[in-house]
């Protein structure tokens, strides 16, 4: 499997990690790691079946896969 990231995807991933660090505990680059893990969890799970395929991570995929993470971070600040 070949995994490629567009420049827009990289920007979107960095923005999500930054935003979560701003709104929650700032754990630095570890947040980036958890964001990427969440983004690629389906790809990682299906990796054996994706042999020989090219997977392109673009900004739309980032928004689709991480929208629930961002929304959850937004609501956490209102929970006492």
N, C-alpha and C. Protein backbone atom coordinates (compact mmCIF):
# COMPACT_ATOMS: atom_id res chain seq x y z
N UNK A 1 0.84 -1.17 0.00
CA UNK A 1 0.00 0.00 0.00
C UNK A 1 0.89 1.24 0.00
N UNK A 2 0.49 2.21 -0.77
CA UNK A 2 1.20 3.49 -0.82
C UNK A 2 0.28 4.55 -0.22
N UNK A 3 0.76 5.26 0.79
CA UNK A 3 -0.03 6.27 1.49
C UNK A 3 0.55 7.64 1.16
N UNK A 4 -0.28 8.52 0.62
CA UNK A 4 0.16 9.87 0.24
C UNK A 4 -0.73 10.90 0.92
N UNK A 5 -0.12 12.02 1.31
CA UNK A 5 -0.84 13.12 1.93
C UNK A 5 -0.73 14.35 1.03
N UNK A 6 -1.85 15.00 0.75
CA UNK A 6 -1.79 16.27 0.03
C UNK A 6 -1.34 17.36 0.99
N UNK A 7 -0.86 18.46 0.44
CA UNK A 7 -0.45 19.59 1.28
C UNK A 7 -1.63 20.11 2.10
N UNK A 8 -2.81 20.13 1.48
CA UNK A 8 -4.01 20.60 2.18
C UNK A 8 -4.37 19.68 3.34
N UNK A 9 -4.16 18.39 3.18
CA UNK A 9 -4.43 17.44 4.26
C UNK A 9 -3.48 17.67 5.43
N UNK A 10 -2.23 17.91 5.12
CA UNK A 10 -1.25 18.16 6.18
C UNK A 10 -1.62 19.42 6.96
N UNK A 11 -2.02 20.46 6.24
CA UNK A 11 -2.47 21.69 6.91
C UNK A 11 -3.69 21.42 7.78
N UNK A 12 -4.65 20.66 7.27
CA UNK A 12 -5.88 20.37 8.03
C UNK A 12 -5.57 19.54 9.27
N UNK A 13 -4.68 18.57 9.16
CA UNK A 13 -4.29 17.74 10.30
C UNK A 13 -3.62 18.61 11.37
N UNK A 14 -2.71 19.45 10.95
CA UNK A 14 -2.01 20.34 11.89
C UNK A 14 -3.00 21.28 12.58
N UNK A 15 -3.98 21.78 11.82
CA UNK A 15 -4.97 22.69 12.40
C UNK A 15 -5.82 21.98 13.46
N UNK A 16 -6.24 20.76 13.18
CA UNK A 16 -7.04 20.00 14.15
C UNK A 16 -6.23 19.76 15.42
N UNK A 17 -4.98 19.35 15.27
CA UNK A 17 -4.14 19.10 16.44
C UNK A 17 -3.92 20.38 17.24
N UNK A 18 -3.66 21.48 16.55
CA UNK A 18 -3.47 22.76 17.23
C UNK A 18 -4.73 23.17 17.98
N UNK A 19 -5.87 23.06 17.28
CA UNK A 19 -7.14 23.47 17.89
C UNK A 19 -7.45 22.64 19.13
N UNK A 20 -7.22 21.35 19.05
CA UNK A 20 -7.48 20.50 20.22
C UNK A 20 -6.55 20.83 21.36
N UNK A 21 -5.29 21.14 21.06
CA UNK A 21 -4.36 21.54 22.11
C UNK A 21 -4.78 22.86 22.73
N UNK A 22 -5.36 23.76 21.96
CA UNK A 22 -5.82 25.04 22.48
C UNK A 22 -7.05 24.87 23.36
N UNK A 23 -7.96 23.97 22.98
CA UNK A 23 -9.23 23.83 23.68
C UNK A 23 -9.19 22.83 24.82
N UNK A 24 -8.21 21.95 24.80
CA UNK A 24 -8.08 20.93 25.85
C UNK A 24 -6.68 21.06 26.42
N UNK A 25 -6.25 20.06 27.12
CA UNK A 25 -4.89 20.06 27.65
C UNK A 25 -3.90 20.09 26.49
N UNK A 26 -2.92 20.97 26.57
CA UNK A 26 -1.90 21.07 25.53
C UNK A 26 -0.85 19.98 25.77
N UNK A 27 -0.90 18.95 24.92
CA UNK A 27 0.07 17.85 25.06
C UNK A 27 1.07 17.85 23.92
N UNK A 28 1.13 18.98 23.22
CA UNK A 28 2.13 19.17 22.18
C UNK A 28 2.00 18.19 21.02
N UNK A 29 3.13 17.68 20.58
CA UNK A 29 3.18 16.80 19.41
C UNK A 29 2.46 15.48 19.64
N UNK A 30 2.28 15.10 20.89
CA UNK A 30 1.52 13.86 21.15
C UNK A 30 0.09 13.99 20.64
N UNK A 31 -0.44 15.20 20.65
CA UNK A 31 -1.78 15.41 20.10
C UNK A 31 -1.78 15.11 18.60
N UNK A 32 -0.75 15.55 17.92
CA UNK A 32 -0.63 15.28 16.49
C UNK A 32 -0.62 13.77 16.23
N UNK A 33 0.07 13.03 17.06
CA UNK A 33 0.11 11.58 16.91
C UNK A 33 -1.28 10.97 17.08
N UNK A 34 -2.02 11.41 18.08
CA UNK A 34 -3.35 10.84 18.29
C UNK A 34 -4.31 11.23 17.17
N UNK A 35 -4.15 12.44 16.63
CA UNK A 35 -5.00 12.87 15.52
C UNK A 35 -4.73 12.00 14.29
N UNK A 36 -3.47 11.77 13.99
CA UNK A 36 -3.12 10.94 12.82
C UNK A 36 -3.58 9.50 13.03
N UNK A 37 -3.45 8.98 14.25
CA UNK A 37 -3.94 7.63 14.53
C UNK A 37 -5.44 7.53 14.28
N UNK A 38 -6.19 8.52 14.75
CA UNK A 38 -7.64 8.53 14.54
C UNK A 38 -7.98 8.63 13.05
N UNK A 39 -7.27 9.49 12.35
CA UNK A 39 -7.49 9.68 10.92
C UNK A 39 -7.27 8.39 10.14
N UNK A 40 -6.26 7.64 10.51
CA UNK A 40 -5.87 6.46 9.73
C UNK A 40 -6.32 5.13 10.33
N UNK A 41 -7.20 5.16 11.32
CA UNK A 41 -7.57 3.91 11.97
C UNK A 41 -8.20 2.91 11.00
N UNK A 42 -9.06 3.37 10.09
CA UNK A 42 -9.66 2.45 9.11
C UNK A 42 -8.62 1.91 8.14
N UNK A 43 -7.74 2.79 7.69
CA UNK A 43 -6.68 2.37 6.77
C UNK A 43 -5.78 1.35 7.46
N UNK A 44 -5.43 1.61 8.71
CA UNK A 44 -4.57 0.67 9.45
C UNK A 44 -5.24 -0.68 9.61
N UNK A 45 -6.52 -0.67 9.93
CA UNK A 45 -7.26 -1.91 10.12
C UNK A 45 -7.34 -2.71 8.83
N UNK A 46 -7.56 -2.01 7.71
CA UNK A 46 -7.73 -2.67 6.42
C UNK A 46 -6.43 -2.84 5.64
N UNK A 47 -5.31 -2.48 6.22
CA UNK A 47 -4.03 -2.49 5.50
C UNK A 47 -3.73 -3.81 4.78
N UNK A 48 -3.95 -4.96 5.40
CA UNK A 48 -3.64 -6.20 4.67
C UNK A 48 -4.44 -6.35 3.37
N UNK A 49 -5.65 -5.82 3.36
CA UNK A 49 -6.49 -5.91 2.16
C UNK A 49 -6.18 -4.83 1.14
N UNK A 50 -5.37 -3.86 1.51
CA UNK A 50 -5.08 -2.73 0.63
C UNK A 50 -3.73 -2.85 -0.06
N UNK A 51 -3.11 -4.00 0.03
CA UNK A 51 -1.79 -4.21 -0.58
C UNK A 51 -1.83 -3.83 -2.06
N UNK A 52 -0.85 -3.05 -2.46
CA UNK A 52 -0.74 -2.63 -3.85
C UNK A 52 -1.59 -1.44 -4.22
N UNK A 53 -2.41 -0.96 -3.31
CA UNK A 53 -3.27 0.19 -3.61
C UNK A 53 -2.61 1.50 -3.19
N UNK A 54 -3.06 2.56 -3.78
CA UNK A 54 -2.60 3.91 -3.45
C UNK A 54 -3.72 4.61 -2.70
N UNK A 55 -3.43 5.07 -1.50
CA UNK A 55 -4.39 5.79 -0.67
C UNK A 55 -3.91 7.24 -0.59
N UNK A 56 -4.77 8.16 -1.00
CA UNK A 56 -4.44 9.58 -0.94
C UNK A 56 -5.28 10.22 0.17
N UNK A 57 -4.60 10.77 1.14
CA UNK A 57 -5.27 11.49 2.22
C UNK A 57 -5.35 12.95 1.80
N UNK A 58 -6.58 13.44 1.64
CA UNK A 58 -6.77 14.84 1.25
C UNK A 58 -7.56 15.56 2.35
N UNK A 59 -7.76 16.85 2.14
CA UNK A 59 -8.44 17.66 3.16
C UNK A 59 -9.87 17.18 3.41
N UNK A 60 -10.55 16.71 2.37
CA UNK A 60 -11.91 16.20 2.55
C UNK A 60 -11.93 14.98 3.46
N UNK A 61 -10.96 14.09 3.28
CA UNK A 61 -10.88 12.90 4.13
C UNK A 61 -10.61 13.31 5.58
N UNK A 62 -9.73 14.28 5.77
CA UNK A 62 -9.42 14.75 7.12
C UNK A 62 -10.68 15.30 7.78
N UNK A 63 -11.42 16.14 7.05
CA UNK A 63 -12.65 16.72 7.60
C UNK A 63 -13.68 15.63 7.92
N UNK A 64 -13.82 14.68 7.02
CA UNK A 64 -14.79 13.60 7.22
C UNK A 64 -14.43 12.74 8.43
N UNK A 65 -13.18 12.33 8.52
CA UNK A 65 -12.77 11.40 9.58
C UNK A 65 -12.61 12.07 10.94
N UNK A 66 -12.30 13.36 10.95
CA UNK A 66 -11.99 14.02 12.22
C UNK A 66 -13.08 14.99 12.69
N UNK A 67 -14.16 15.12 11.95
CA UNK A 67 -15.20 16.06 12.36
C UNK A 67 -15.78 15.70 13.72
N UNK A 68 -15.96 14.40 13.99
CA UNK A 68 -16.51 14.00 15.29
C UNK A 68 -15.55 14.31 16.42
N UNK A 69 -14.25 14.25 16.17
CA UNK A 69 -13.25 14.56 17.19
C UNK A 69 -13.30 16.05 17.52
N UNK A 70 -13.39 16.88 16.50
CA UNK A 70 -13.45 18.33 16.72
C UNK A 70 -14.74 18.70 17.41
N UNK A 71 -15.86 18.12 16.99
CA UNK A 71 -17.15 18.42 17.62
C UNK A 71 -17.15 17.99 19.08
N UNK A 72 -16.56 16.84 19.38
CA UNK A 72 -16.48 16.36 20.76
C UNK A 72 -15.66 17.33 21.61
N UNK A 73 -14.58 17.85 21.05
CA UNK A 73 -13.76 18.82 21.78
C UNK A 73 -14.56 20.09 22.05
N UNK A 74 -15.39 20.49 21.09
CA UNK A 74 -16.21 21.69 21.27
C UNK A 74 -17.21 21.52 22.42
N UNK A 75 -17.82 20.35 22.55
CA UNK A 75 -18.82 20.14 23.59
C UNK A 75 -18.19 19.85 24.94
N UNK A 76 -16.98 19.32 24.99
CA UNK A 76 -16.33 19.02 26.27
C UNK A 76 -16.16 20.25 27.13
N UNK A 77 -15.94 21.39 26.52
CA UNK A 77 -15.71 22.60 27.32
C UNK A 77 -16.97 23.07 28.04
N UNK A 78 -18.15 22.55 27.63
CA UNK A 78 -19.40 22.93 28.28
C UNK A 78 -19.84 21.95 29.35
N UNK A 79 -19.16 20.84 29.46
CA UNK A 79 -19.52 19.82 30.45
C UNK A 79 -18.78 20.15 31.75
N UNK A 80 -19.53 20.19 32.85
CA UNK A 80 -18.93 20.52 34.14
C UNK A 80 -18.23 19.36 34.76
